[in-house]
């Protein structure tokens, strides 16, 4: 299996170098003026127009983009994933990739952040070239991992600017329990998964880069908000409130953030919350071994959800080893390696490219660094590193 993983990584790296870091993304149809105009109205024609564009772009991912002259872009989150992958090898290429990622940063009122190369729709308005919490958190974690391997003053300054943006420029709200946060500085949506991710990222910074009590306090308050919104059956909705949506990708990120929080604190205050949350994930959001999009929606099967599932299982195994906890969750090394084989067999093309998703037996062959290709390179490298010499 390790040989198979090596070959898959090599082929995926070769096709990435051939295609370059500028590529299409599953959300870049938002660049289309016709889509933006149809999204601003809630008319029947507007909704039909939007649906038709989404269907066409899914069926013909590359052709439609060329027809509408959608440009290829670089995605900060994808490049952060590639830095994390290189940190596993401790390669000297990390510095070059960090310098390249720096060219995508966006200055903010208090620091710097990373955004998306397409507009973000918030409060009935499209915003262009703005920092986005989710993207910035991925980049922050990549910088911190690189800093742990090779601490430098320059990298410490870069990390500090991202922390300043995340700490001061986002919309925080004091809740009945804890503190919530939004995706951007321009909206007030209370997002559970980004609150969880940011909590773990803040703690990662304070424990591994610079002890910062007020950042640790904010991390604790964010996690309290997350935990307070867990349902009685264990699920974490995308937003608080009734009729919540439960999707695999964001639910997994919440669970991984809870594990990271407890690991960094070396305390197990949310262990039961994690156990019932993981049980909810397994019972409600899996279908025949594949992650479901949502509870009621089996398809598409997204490559990035498979990757998040692998990362969660590896996180659980590491937590079991370090803390002698979660022993009742039975995950075996061979199960993860078999899942890696499934990822390669079902989602990697012969040329090395990882597809975006499968809809029944139809493969969406969009080459997307952010949502499939970089994810797979990172996850496969991590699986090989963690288990080959175990």
Protein backbone atom coordinates (compact mmCIF):
# COMPACT_ATOMS: atom_id res chain seq x y z
CA UNK A 1 0.00 0.00 0.00
CA UNK A 2 2.84 2.45 0.77
CA UNK A 3 4.20 1.96 -2.74
CA UNK A 4 0.74 2.71 -4.13
CA UNK A 5 0.55 5.89 -2.04
CA UNK A 6 4.04 6.93 -3.20
CA UNK A 7 3.06 6.50 -6.85
CA UNK A 8 -0.20 8.42 -6.32
CA UNK A 9 1.62 11.33 -4.65
CA UNK A 10 4.29 11.41 -7.36
CA UNK A 11 1.71 11.43 -10.17
CA UNK A 12 -0.40 14.05 -8.38
CA UNK A 13 2.66 16.28 -7.88
CA UNK A 14 3.74 15.90 -11.51
CA UNK A 15 0.32 16.87 -12.91
CA UNK A 16 0.17 19.81 -10.49
CA UNK A 17 3.54 21.09 -11.70
CA UNK A 18 2.38 20.62 -15.28
CA UNK A 19 -0.91 22.48 -14.78
CA UNK A 20 0.52 25.09 -12.42
CA UNK A 21 -0.98 26.69 -9.34
CA UNK A 22 -3.40 28.79 -11.40
CA UNK A 23 -6.48 26.62 -11.83
CA UNK A 24 -10.25 26.52 -11.71
CA UNK A 25 -12.21 26.15 -8.48
CA UNK A 26 -15.65 24.69 -7.82
CA UNK A 27 -16.97 28.11 -6.75
CA UNK A 28 -15.40 30.30 -9.42
CA UNK A 29 -18.61 30.46 -11.45
CA UNK A 30 -19.40 33.24 -8.98
CA UNK A 31 -17.21 35.40 -11.21
CA UNK A 32 -19.92 35.32 -13.90
CA UNK A 33 -21.85 38.60 -14.12
CA UNK A 34 -24.95 36.65 -15.18
CA UNK A 35 -24.72 34.56 -12.01
CA UNK A 36 -24.19 37.60 -9.80
CA UNK A 37 -27.16 39.37 -11.36
CA UNK A 38 -29.43 36.34 -11.00
CA UNK A 39 -28.38 35.87 -7.37
CA UNK A 40 -29.30 39.41 -6.40
CA UNK A 41 -32.98 38.78 -7.13
CA UNK A 42 -35.25 36.14 -5.74
CA UNK A 43 -37.46 35.96 -8.83
CA UNK A 44 -38.46 32.69 -10.48
CA UNK A 45 -36.33 33.56 -13.52
CA UNK A 46 -33.35 34.40 -11.33
CA UNK A 47 -33.54 31.05 -9.51
CA UNK A 48 -33.95 29.08 -12.76
CA UNK A 49 -31.07 31.00 -14.34
CA UNK A 50 -28.83 30.18 -11.40
CA UNK A 51 -29.82 26.50 -11.40
CA UNK A 52 -29.15 26.11 -15.14
CA UNK A 53 -25.68 27.64 -14.80
CA UNK A 54 -24.84 25.30 -11.91
CA UNK A 55 -26.04 22.24 -13.86
CA UNK A 56 -24.09 23.19 -16.99
CA UNK A 57 -20.91 23.95 -15.09
CA UNK A 58 -21.14 20.61 -13.24
CA UNK A 59 -21.73 18.59 -16.40
CA UNK A 60 -19.04 20.36 -18.43
CA UNK A 61 -16.63 21.73 -15.79
CA UNK A 62 -13.83 22.82 -18.10
CA UNK A 63 -15.71 23.61 -21.31
CA UNK A 64 -18.25 25.95 -19.73
CA UNK A 65 -15.52 27.83 -17.88
CA UNK A 66 -13.64 28.37 -21.13
CA UNK A 67 -16.84 29.41 -22.93
CA UNK A 68 -17.61 32.04 -20.30
CA UNK A 69 -13.94 33.07 -20.14
CA UNK A 70 -13.63 32.32 -16.44
CA UNK A 71 -10.00 32.88 -15.57
CA UNK A 72 -7.86 30.48 -13.61
CA UNK A 73 -6.73 31.69 -10.20
CA UNK A 74 -4.54 30.74 -7.29
CA UNK A 75 -6.22 29.68 -4.05
CA UNK A 76 -4.56 30.52 -0.73
CA UNK A 77 -6.05 27.53 1.11
CA UNK A 78 -4.69 25.14 -1.53
CA UNK A 79 -1.20 26.59 -1.25
CA UNK A 80 -1.45 26.35 2.55
CA UNK A 81 -2.28 22.64 2.20
CA UNK A 82 0.80 22.17 0.00
CA UNK A 83 2.96 23.90 2.65
CA UNK A 84 1.53 21.55 5.31
CA UNK A 85 2.35 18.62 3.03
CA UNK A 86 5.93 19.82 2.63
CA UNK A 87 6.25 20.31 6.40
CA UNK A 88 5.66 16.56 6.75
CA UNK A 89 8.82 15.95 4.70
CA UNK A 90 10.56 18.93 6.34
CA UNK A 91 11.58 19.94 2.83
CA UNK A 92 13.54 23.11 2.05
CA UNK A 93 10.86 24.00 -0.51
CA UNK A 94 8.60 25.26 2.31
CA UNK A 95 10.24 28.71 2.37
CA UNK A 96 9.70 29.18 -1.37
CA UNK A 97 6.06 28.19 -1.04
CA UNK A 98 5.54 30.57 1.89
CA UNK A 99 7.02 33.41 -0.19
CA UNK A 100 4.66 32.48 -3.03
CA UNK A 101 1.66 32.35 -0.69
CA UNK A 102 2.59 35.79 0.68
CA UNK A 103 1.84 37.30 -2.72
CA UNK A 104 -1.85 36.48 -2.15
CA UNK A 105 -2.22 38.23 1.21
CA UNK A 106 -4.63 41.13 1.66
CA UNK A 107 -3.94 44.04 4.00
CA UNK A 108 -6.62 44.73 6.61
CA UNK A 109 -7.24 47.44 9.14
CA UNK A 110 -5.27 45.62 11.84
CA UNK A 111 -3.15 43.04 10.02
CA UNK A 112 -3.24 40.77 7.00
CA UNK A 113 -5.47 37.96 5.80
CA UNK A 114 -6.16 35.67 2.88
CA UNK A 115 -9.29 35.56 0.79
CA UNK A 116 -10.86 33.92 -2.24
CA UNK A 117 -10.37 34.82 -5.92
CA UNK A 118 -14.11 35.12 -6.48
CA UNK A 119 -16.75 37.31 -4.81
CA UNK A 120 -18.19 36.46 -1.40
CA UNK A 121 -21.96 36.95 -1.12
CA UNK A 122 -22.91 38.45 2.24
CA UNK A 123 -25.88 40.54 3.33
CA UNK A 124 -27.35 40.66 -0.21
CA UNK A 125 -24.12 42.07 -1.58
CA UNK A 126 -21.03 40.72 -3.32
CA UNK A 127 -17.63 41.59 -1.83
CA UNK A 128 -14.44 41.29 -3.87
CA UNK A 129 -10.86 40.88 -2.65
CA UNK A 130 -11.64 40.65 1.04
CA UNK A 131 -10.00 38.41 3.67
CA UNK A 132 -11.96 35.35 4.68
CA UNK A 133 -11.57 33.71 8.10
CA UNK A 134 -11.58 30.12 6.81
CA UNK A 135 -8.82 30.76 4.25
CA UNK A 136 -6.75 32.76 6.73
CA UNK A 137 -6.97 30.03 9.39
CA UNK A 138 -5.62 27.43 6.96
CA UNK A 139 -2.72 29.74 6.07
CA UNK A 140 -2.07 30.52 9.75
CA UNK A 141 -1.85 26.82 10.63
CA UNK A 142 0.52 26.25 7.69
CA UNK A 143 2.77 29.10 8.83
CA UNK A 144 2.76 27.81 12.43
CA UNK A 145 3.69 24.29 11.28
CA UNK A 146 6.57 25.74 9.24
CA UNK A 147 7.60 27.87 12.24
CA UNK A 148 7.70 24.81 14.51
CA UNK A 149 10.14 23.17 12.09
CA UNK A 150 12.28 26.25 11.39
CA UNK A 151 11.49 29.24 13.63
CA UNK A 152 12.51 32.57 12.10
CA UNK A 153 11.79 36.18 13.00
CA UNK A 154 10.32 36.82 9.55
CA UNK A 155 7.86 33.95 9.84
CA UNK A 156 6.94 35.03 13.36
CA UNK A 157 6.04 38.51 12.01
CA UNK A 158 3.90 36.97 9.25
CA UNK A 159 2.04 34.87 11.82
CA UNK A 160 1.52 37.93 14.02
CA UNK A 161 -0.16 39.86 11.20
CA UNK A 162 -2.60 37.03 10.54
CA UNK A 163 -3.39 36.81 14.26
CA UNK A 164 -4.03 40.57 14.36
CA UNK A 165 -6.58 40.29 11.55
CA UNK A 166 -8.33 37.27 13.06
CA UNK A 167 -8.29 38.78 16.56
CA UNK A 168 -9.38 42.33 15.77
CA UNK A 169 -11.11 42.61 12.39
CA UNK A 170 -13.76 39.88 12.38
CA UNK A 171 -17.25 40.30 13.80
CA UNK A 172 -17.41 38.70 17.24
CA UNK A 173 -20.60 38.52 19.29
CA UNK A 174 -20.95 37.75 22.97
CA UNK A 175 -23.42 34.88 23.37
CA UNK A 176 -25.34 33.46 26.32
CA UNK A 177 -22.49 30.94 26.39
CA UNK A 178 -19.15 31.99 24.98
CA UNK A 179 -18.29 33.99 21.87
CA UNK A 180 -19.30 33.54 18.23
CA UNK A 181 -17.55 34.77 15.11
CA UNK A 182 -18.41 35.35 11.44
CA UNK A 183 -16.58 34.42 8.25
CA UNK A 184 -15.73 38.04 7.35
CA UNK A 185 -15.68 41.55 8.77
CA UNK A 186 -18.70 42.34 6.59
CA UNK A 187 -21.33 39.98 7.95
CA UNK A 188 -22.76 38.97 11.28
CA UNK A 189 -23.60 35.32 10.59
CA UNK A 190 -22.67 33.13 13.54
CA UNK A 191 -20.83 30.19 12.02
CA UNK A 192 -20.17 27.20 14.25
CA UNK A 193 -17.42 25.52 12.26
CA UNK A 194 -15.32 28.68 11.82
CA UNK A 195 -15.72 29.43 15.55
CA UNK A 196 -14.32 25.95 16.25
CA UNK A 197 -11.47 26.28 13.73
CA UNK A 198 -10.49 29.70 15.04
CA UNK A 199 -10.56 28.48 18.65
CA UNK A 200 -8.06 25.72 17.83
CA UNK A 201 -5.92 28.05 15.69
CA UNK A 202 -5.69 30.70 18.43
CA UNK A 203 -4.64 28.06 20.93
CA UNK A 204 -2.12 26.65 18.43
CA UNK A 205 -0.56 30.13 18.18
CA UNK A 206 -0.43 30.72 21.93
CA UNK A 207 1.00 27.29 22.74
CA UNK A 208 3.49 27.00 19.87
CA UNK A 209 4.51 30.53 18.87
CA UNK A 210 3.91 33.14 21.58
CA UNK A 211 2.05 32.84 24.87
CA UNK A 212 -0.86 35.30 24.60
CA UNK A 213 -3.41 35.11 27.46
CA UNK A 214 -6.16 37.18 25.81
CA UNK A 215 -5.97 35.02 22.67
CA UNK A 216 -6.24 31.88 24.80
CA UNK A 217 -9.26 33.40 26.56
CA UNK A 218 -10.87 34.09 23.19
CA UNK A 219 -10.10 30.52 22.09
CA UNK A 220 -11.84 29.18 25.21
CA UNK A 221 -14.90 31.40 24.71
CA UNK A 222 -15.21 30.41 21.05
CA UNK A 223 -15.13 26.72 21.94
CA UNK A 224 -17.75 27.23 24.67
CA UNK A 225 -20.06 28.69 22.01
CA UNK A 226 -19.43 25.71 19.72
CA UNK A 227 -20.13 23.14 22.43
CA UNK A 228 -23.27 24.99 23.57
CA UNK A 229 -24.74 24.52 20.08
CA UNK A 230 -24.31 20.76 19.93
CA UNK A 231 -27.65 18.99 19.59
CA UNK A 232 -28.78 16.35 22.05
CA UNK A 233 -28.07 13.64 19.45
CA UNK A 234 -24.52 14.94 18.95
CA UNK A 235 -24.78 16.94 15.72
CA UNK A 236 -23.20 20.35 15.11
CA UNK A 237 -25.30 22.45 12.72
CA UNK A 238 -23.71 24.92 10.33
CA UNK A 239 -25.41 27.82 12.17
CA UNK A 240 -27.25 28.06 15.49
CA UNK A 241 -31.02 27.93 15.58
CA UNK A 242 -33.88 25.67 14.53
CA UNK A 243 -33.87 23.64 11.29
CA UNK A 244 -30.09 23.49 11.26
CA UNK A 245 -28.19 22.04 8.30
CA UNK A 246 -25.74 19.23 9.09
CA UNK A 247 -23.12 18.58 6.44
CA UNK A 248 -20.22 16.16 6.58
CA UNK A 249 -17.39 18.54 5.68
CA UNK A 250 -18.06 21.22 8.30
CA UNK A 251 -19.12 18.70 10.97
CA UNK A 252 -15.77 16.94 10.59
CA UNK A 253 -13.88 20.21 10.89
CA UNK A 254 -15.70 20.96 14.15
CA UNK A 255 -14.75 17.55 15.56
CA UNK A 256 -11.11 17.92 14.51
CA UNK A 257 -11.01 21.36 16.14
CA UNK A 258 -12.40 19.98 19.41
CA UNK A 259 -9.70 17.29 19.44
CA UNK A 260 -6.98 19.86 18.67
CA UNK A 261 -8.28 22.13 21.46
CA UNK A 262 -8.15 19.31 24.05
CA UNK A 263 -4.77 18.13 22.77
CA UNK A 264 -3.24 21.61 23.14
CA UNK A 265 -4.84 22.16 26.56
CA UNK A 266 -3.94 18.62 27.70
CA UNK A 267 -7.38 18.52 29.30
CA UNK A 268 -10.40 16.44 28.34
CA UNK A 269 -13.35 18.69 29.22
CA UNK A 270 -15.13 18.07 25.91
CA UNK A 271 -14.40 14.35 25.53
CA UNK A 272 -18.03 13.22 25.79
CA UNK A 273 -19.11 15.94 23.38
CA UNK A 274 -16.58 14.64 20.88
CA UNK A 275 -17.66 11.01 21.34
CA UNK A 276 -21.36 11.66 20.69
CA UNK A 277 -20.45 14.08 17.86
CA UNK A 278 -18.35 11.42 16.18
CA UNK A 279 -21.14 8.86 16.66
CA UNK A 280 -23.59 11.28 14.98
CA UNK A 281 -21.17 11.67 12.07
CA UNK A 282 -20.82 7.91 11.60
CA UNK A 283 -24.54 7.17 11.97
CA UNK A 284 -26.09 10.08 10.06
CA UNK A 285 -23.52 11.31 7.55
CA UNK A 286 -22.08 8.15 6.02
CA UNK A 287 -23.60 6.06 3.24
CA UNK A 288 -22.03 2.69 2.31
CA UNK A 289 -18.60 3.86 3.43
CA UNK A 290 -18.77 7.22 1.67
CA UNK A 291 -19.40 10.61 3.30
CA UNK A 292 -22.80 12.12 2.47
CA UNK A 293 -23.12 15.80 1.55
CA UNK A 294 -25.85 16.31 4.18
CA UNK A 295 -28.12 14.01 6.21
CA UNK A 296 -30.72 13.86 3.43
CA UNK A 297 -28.34 14.20 0.46
CA UNK A 298 -26.12 11.23 -0.43
CA UNK A 299 -24.56 12.83 -3.51
CA UNK A 300 -22.26 14.24 -4.65
CA UNK A 301 -19.49 12.36 -2.86
CA UNK A 302 -16.90 15.10 -2.43
CA UNK A 303 -13.19 14.29 -2.50
CA UNK A 304 -12.47 16.85 0.19
CA UNK A 305 -14.97 15.20 2.54
CA UNK A 306 -13.13 11.89 2.10
CA UNK A 307 -9.91 13.73 2.98
CA UNK A 308 -11.45 15.33 6.07
CA UNK A 309 -12.68 11.89 7.16
CA UNK A 310 -9.16 10.48 6.84
CA UNK A 311 -7.71 13.44 8.76
CA UNK A 312 -10.24 12.99 11.56
CA UNK A 313 -9.42 9.29 11.92
CA UNK A 314 -5.67 10.03 11.99
CA UNK A 315 -6.31 12.75 14.60
CA UNK A 316 -8.22 10.24 16.74
CA UNK A 317 -5.40 7.67 16.56
CA UNK A 318 -2.81 10.32 17.52
CA UNK A 319 -5.00 11.49 20.41
CA UNK A 320 -5.36 7.92 21.64
CA UNK A 321 -1.59 7.46 21.60
CA UNK A 322 -0.75 10.77 23.30
CA UNK A 323 -3.46 10.91 25.92
CA UNK A 324 -4.65 7.33 26.40
CA UNK A 325 -8.22 8.48 25.74
CA UNK A 326 -10.98 7.56 23.24
CA UNK A 327 -9.98 3.90 23.43
CA UNK A 328 -13.56 2.82 22.71
CA UNK A 329 -13.35 4.36 19.23
CA UNK A 330 -11.86 1.47 17.27
CA UNK A 331 -9.85 2.74 14.32
CA UNK A 332 -7.13 0.54 12.89
CA UNK A 333 -4.15 1.56 10.81
CA UNK A 334 -5.14 -0.85 8.05
CA UNK A 335 -8.62 0.70 7.87
CA UNK A 336 -7.09 4.10 7.14
CA UNK A 337 -4.66 2.68 4.60
CA UNK A 338 -7.56 0.88 2.87
CA UNK A 339 -9.43 4.19 2.77
CA UNK A 340 -6.36 5.77 1.15
CA UNK A 341 -6.54 3.02 -1.46
CA UNK A 342 -10.21 3.82 -2.04
CA UNK A 343 -9.35 7.49 -2.51
CA UNK A 344 -6.70 6.62 -5.09
CA UNK A 345 -8.75 3.99 -6.95
CA UNK A 346 -12.03 5.90 -7.13
CA UNK A 347 -10.92 9.53 -7.29
CA UNK A 348 -7.54 9.71 -9.03
CA UNK A 349 -7.38 9.69 -12.84
CA UNK A 350 -4.63 7.88 -14.75
CA UNK A 351 -2.80 11.18 -15.39
CA UNK A 352 -2.51 11.74 -11.62
CA UNK A 353 -5.30 14.28 -11.23
CA UNK A 354 -7.73 13.92 -8.34
CA UNK A 355 -11.31 14.63 -9.38
CA UNK A 356 -13.55 17.02 -7.47
CA UNK A 357 -16.46 14.67 -6.77
CA UNK A 358 -18.61 11.75 -7.90
CA UNK A 359 -22.34 12.01 -8.56
CA UNK A 360 -23.59 8.42 -8.72
CA UNK A 361 -21.26 7.01 -11.40
CA UNK A 362 -20.47 10.37 -13.00
CA UNK A 363 -17.06 11.87 -12.22
CA UNK A 364 -16.70 15.66 -12.03
CA UNK A 365 -13.22 15.93 -13.50
CA UNK A 366 -12.64 19.57 -12.62
CA UNK A 367 -8.99 20.05 -11.64
CA UNK A 368 -9.38 21.96 -8.40
CA UNK A 369 -6.37 22.46 -6.15
CA UNK A 370 -8.35 23.76 -3.20
CA UNK A 371 -11.10 21.22 -2.98
CA UNK A 372 -9.46 18.03 -4.15
CA UNK A 373 -5.92 17.94 -5.44
CA UNK A 374 -3.94 19.70 -2.68
CA UNK A 375 -6.15 18.04 -0.05
CA UNK A 376 -5.29 14.58 -1.41
CA UNK A 377 -1.56 15.26 -1.64
CA UNK A 378 -1.51 16.42 1.98
CA UNK A 379 -3.65 13.57 3.34
CA UNK A 380 -1.74 10.83 1.51
CA UNK A 381 1.62 12.23 2.63
CA UNK A 382 0.37 12.41 6.19
CA UNK A 383 -0.99 8.84 6.16
CA UNK A 384 2.29 7.49 4.83
CA UNK A 385 4.38 9.44 7.36
CA UNK A 386 2.25 8.46 10.35
CA UNK A 387 1.94 4.76 9.63
CA UNK A 388 4.92 3.59 7.59
CA UNK A 389 7.32 3.72 10.53
CA UNK A 390 4.72 3.18 13.26
